[in-house]
């Protein structure tokens, strides 16, 4: 999911949200870690890469950080899979959303 969808749902334009505001929103979504999954991993930048401030989010949440771009991408995909699995389990289904590759 990208910021264009999230901003539109809030009645905003993506340009209305600075990177700092976006980071704050995603940290708030994952604080406290109630569900055991990193929901902020579901928000992606263009090209389906992690958002540029994903490492800062990890740091603020007390998660491993300071990772190389390839490691951030792997961590994001792992966390996305965990979020989809948790959603599927809660919804009583076996098929979760699939990421486009």
C-alpha atoms as a PDB file:
ATOM      1  CA  UNK A   1       0.000   0.000   0.000  1.00  0.00           C
ATOM      2  CA  UNK A   2       1.325   3.412  -0.882  1.00  0.00           C
ATOM      3  CA  UNK A   3       0.864   6.849   0.626  1.00  0.00           C
ATOM      4  CA  UNK A   4      -1.434   7.931  -2.208  1.00  0.00           C
ATOM      5  CA  UNK A   5      -4.047   5.447  -0.927  1.00  0.00           C
ATOM      6  CA  UNK A   6      -3.519   6.304   2.735  1.00  0.00           C
ATOM      7  CA  UNK A   7      -3.577  10.055   2.148  1.00  0.00           C
ATOM      8  CA  UNK A   8      -6.730   9.822   0.039  1.00  0.00           C
ATOM      9  CA  UNK A   9      -8.457   7.807   2.794  1.00  0.00           C
ATOM     10  CA  UNK A  10      -7.671  10.650   5.195  1.00  0.00           C
ATOM     11  CA  UNK A  11      -8.878  13.284   2.730  1.00  0.00           C
ATOM     12  CA  UNK A  12      -5.328  14.486   2.044  1.00  0.00           C
ATOM     13  CA  UNK A  13      -2.924  14.627  -0.849  1.00  0.00           C
ATOM     14  CA  UNK A  14       0.353  12.719  -0.500  1.00  0.00           C
ATOM     15  CA  UNK A  15       2.197  16.045  -0.796  1.00  0.00           C
ATOM     16  CA  UNK A  16       0.418  17.199   2.375  1.00  0.00           C
ATOM     17  CA  UNK A  17       2.483  14.723   4.410  1.00  0.00           C
ATOM     18  CA  UNK A  18       6.201  15.279   4.934  1.00  0.00           C
ATOM     19  CA  UNK A  19       8.475  12.273   5.363  1.00  0.00           C
ATOM     20  CA  UNK A  20       8.705  13.154   9.062  1.00  0.00           C
ATOM     21  CA  UNK A  21       4.890  13.148   9.377  1.00  0.00           C
ATOM     22  CA  UNK A  22       4.718   9.827   7.556  1.00  0.00           C
ATOM     23  CA  UNK A  23       7.334   8.355   9.873  1.00  0.00           C
ATOM     24  CA  UNK A  24       5.399   9.603  12.916  1.00  0.00           C
ATOM     25  CA  UNK A  25       2.185   8.031  11.624  1.00  0.00           C
ATOM     26  CA  UNK A  26       3.810   4.653  11.008  1.00  0.00           C
ATOM     27  CA  UNK A  27       5.568   4.626  14.385  1.00  0.00           C
ATOM     28  CA  UNK A  28       2.221   5.412  16.014  1.00  0.00           C
ATOM     29  CA  UNK A  29       0.559   2.544  14.104  1.00  0.00           C
ATOM     30  CA  UNK A  30       3.107   0.089  15.511  1.00  0.00           C
ATOM     31  CA  UNK A  31       3.212   1.507  19.064  1.00  0.00           C
ATOM     32  CA  UNK A  32       2.715  -0.375  21.276  1.00  0.00           C
ATOM     33  CA  UNK A  33       3.347  -3.607  19.352  1.00  0.00           C
ATOM     34  CA  UNK A  34      -0.092  -5.003  20.139  1.00  0.00           C
ATOM     35  CA  UNK A  35      -0.458  -7.430  17.273  1.00  0.00           C
ATOM     36  CA  UNK A  36       3.090  -8.789  17.147  1.00  0.00           C
ATOM     37  CA  UNK A  37       3.490  -7.768  13.520  1.00  0.00           C
ATOM     38  CA  UNK A  38       5.042  -4.701  11.977  1.00  0.00           C
ATOM     39  CA  UNK A  39       2.083  -3.104  10.193  1.00  0.00           C
ATOM     40  CA  UNK A  40       4.270  -0.262   8.911  1.00  0.00           C
ATOM     41  CA  UNK A  41       5.967  -2.834   6.645  1.00  0.00           C
ATOM     42  CA  UNK A  42       2.794  -2.869   4.551  1.00  0.00           C
ATOM     43  CA  UNK A  43       3.414   0.714   3.386  1.00  0.00           C
ATOM     44  CA  UNK A  44       5.813   0.803   0.475  1.00  0.00           C
ATOM     45  CA  UNK A  45       7.509   3.397  -1.672  1.00  0.00           C
ATOM     46  CA  UNK A  46       7.493   3.396  -5.451  1.00  0.00           C
ATOM     47  CA  UNK A  47       8.897   0.263  -7.041  1.00  0.00           C
ATOM     48  CA  UNK A  48       7.516  -1.680  -4.023  1.00  0.00           C
ATOM     49  CA  UNK A  49      10.609  -0.905  -1.954  1.00  0.00           C
ATOM     50  CA  UNK A  50      10.624  -0.016   1.749  1.00  0.00           C
ATOM     51  CA  UNK A  51       9.821   3.603   2.507  1.00  0.00           C
ATOM     52  CA  UNK A  52      13.054   5.642   2.819  1.00  0.00           C
ATOM     53  CA  UNK A  53      12.536   6.126   6.572  1.00  0.00           C
ATOM     54  CA  UNK A  54      11.826   2.434   7.335  1.00  0.00           C
ATOM     55  CA  UNK A  55      15.166   2.092   9.152  1.00  0.00           C
ATOM     56  CA  UNK A  56      14.309   5.098  11.353  1.00  0.00           C
ATOM     57  CA  UNK A  57      10.950   3.471  12.168  1.00  0.00           C
ATOM     58  CA  UNK A  58      12.721   0.254  13.162  1.00  0.00           C
ATOM     59  CA  UNK A  59      15.104   2.191  15.409  1.00  0.00           C
ATOM     60  CA  UNK A  60      12.295   4.093  17.118  1.00  0.00           C
ATOM     61  CA  UNK A  61      10.416   0.827  17.729  1.00  0.00           C
ATOM     62  CA  UNK A  62      13.469  -0.801  19.303  1.00  0.00           C
ATOM     63  CA  UNK A  63      13.888  -3.220  16.414  1.00  0.00           C
ATOM     64  CA  UNK A  64      17.165  -4.123  14.682  1.00  0.00           C
ATOM     65  CA  UNK A  65      18.183  -1.166  12.529  1.00  0.00           C
ATOM     66  CA  UNK A  66      21.163   0.196  10.622  1.00  0.00           C
ATOM     67  CA  UNK A  67      20.568  -2.432   7.963  1.00  0.00           C
ATOM     68  CA  UNK A  68      21.738  -2.371   4.362  1.00  0.00           C
ATOM     69  CA  UNK A  69      19.042  -1.730   1.725  1.00  0.00           C
ATOM     70  CA  UNK A  70      18.863  -5.408   0.738  1.00  0.00           C
ATOM     71  CA  UNK A  71      18.428  -6.384   4.397  1.00  0.00           C
ATOM     72  CA  UNK A  72      15.705  -3.774   4.873  1.00  0.00           C
ATOM     73  CA  UNK A  73      13.879  -5.200   1.870  1.00  0.00           C
ATOM     74  CA  UNK A  74      14.162  -8.737   3.231  1.00  0.00           C
ATOM     75  CA  UNK A  75      12.966  -7.650   6.672  1.00  0.00           C
ATOM     76  CA  UNK A  76      10.032  -5.790   5.128  1.00  0.00           C
ATOM     77  CA  UNK A  77       8.992  -8.855   3.125  1.00  0.00           C
ATOM     78  CA  UNK A  78       9.270 -11.065   6.215  1.00  0.00           C
ATOM     79  CA  UNK A  79       7.149  -8.662   8.248  1.00  0.00           C
ATOM     80  CA  UNK A  80       4.609  -8.358   5.433  1.00  0.00           C
ATOM     81  CA  UNK A  81       4.271 -12.137   5.316  1.00  0.00           C
ATOM     82  CA  UNK A  82       3.746 -12.202   9.094  1.00  0.00           C
ATOM     83  CA  UNK A  83       1.057  -9.508   8.832  1.00  0.00           C
ATOM     84  CA  UNK A  84      -0.728 -11.368   6.019  1.00  0.00           C
ATOM     85  CA  UNK A  85      -0.547 -14.642   7.984  1.00  0.00           C
ATOM     86  CA  UNK A  86      -1.972 -12.956  11.097  1.00  0.00           C
ATOM     87  CA  UNK A  87      -4.790 -11.434   9.035  1.00  0.00           C
ATOM     88  CA  UNK A  88      -5.561 -14.773   7.393  1.00  0.00           C
ATOM     89  CA  UNK A  89      -5.628 -16.534  10.758  1.00  0.00           C
ATOM     90  CA  UNK A  90      -7.910 -13.868  12.232  1.00  0.00           C
ATOM     91  CA  UNK A  91     -10.202 -14.011   9.205  1.00  0.00           C
ATOM     92  CA  UNK A  92     -10.237 -17.805   9.268  1.00  0.00           C
ATOM     93  CA  UNK A  93      -8.746 -18.174   5.801  1.00  0.00           C
ATOM     94  CA  UNK A  94      -5.606 -19.818   4.515  1.00  0.00           C
ATOM     95  CA  UNK A  95      -4.938 -17.467   1.618  1.00  0.00           C
ATOM     96  CA  UNK A  96      -3.533 -14.064   2.537  1.00  0.00           C
ATOM     97  CA  UNK A  97      -2.952 -11.130   0.238  1.00  0.00           C
ATOM     98  CA  UNK A  98      -0.071 -11.685  -2.135  1.00  0.00           C
ATOM     99  CA  UNK A  99       2.639  -9.085  -2.768  1.00  0.00           C
ATOM    100  CA  UNK A 100       3.265  -8.193  -6.377  1.00  0.00           C
ATOM    101  CA  UNK A 101       6.798  -8.981  -7.452  1.00  0.00           C
END
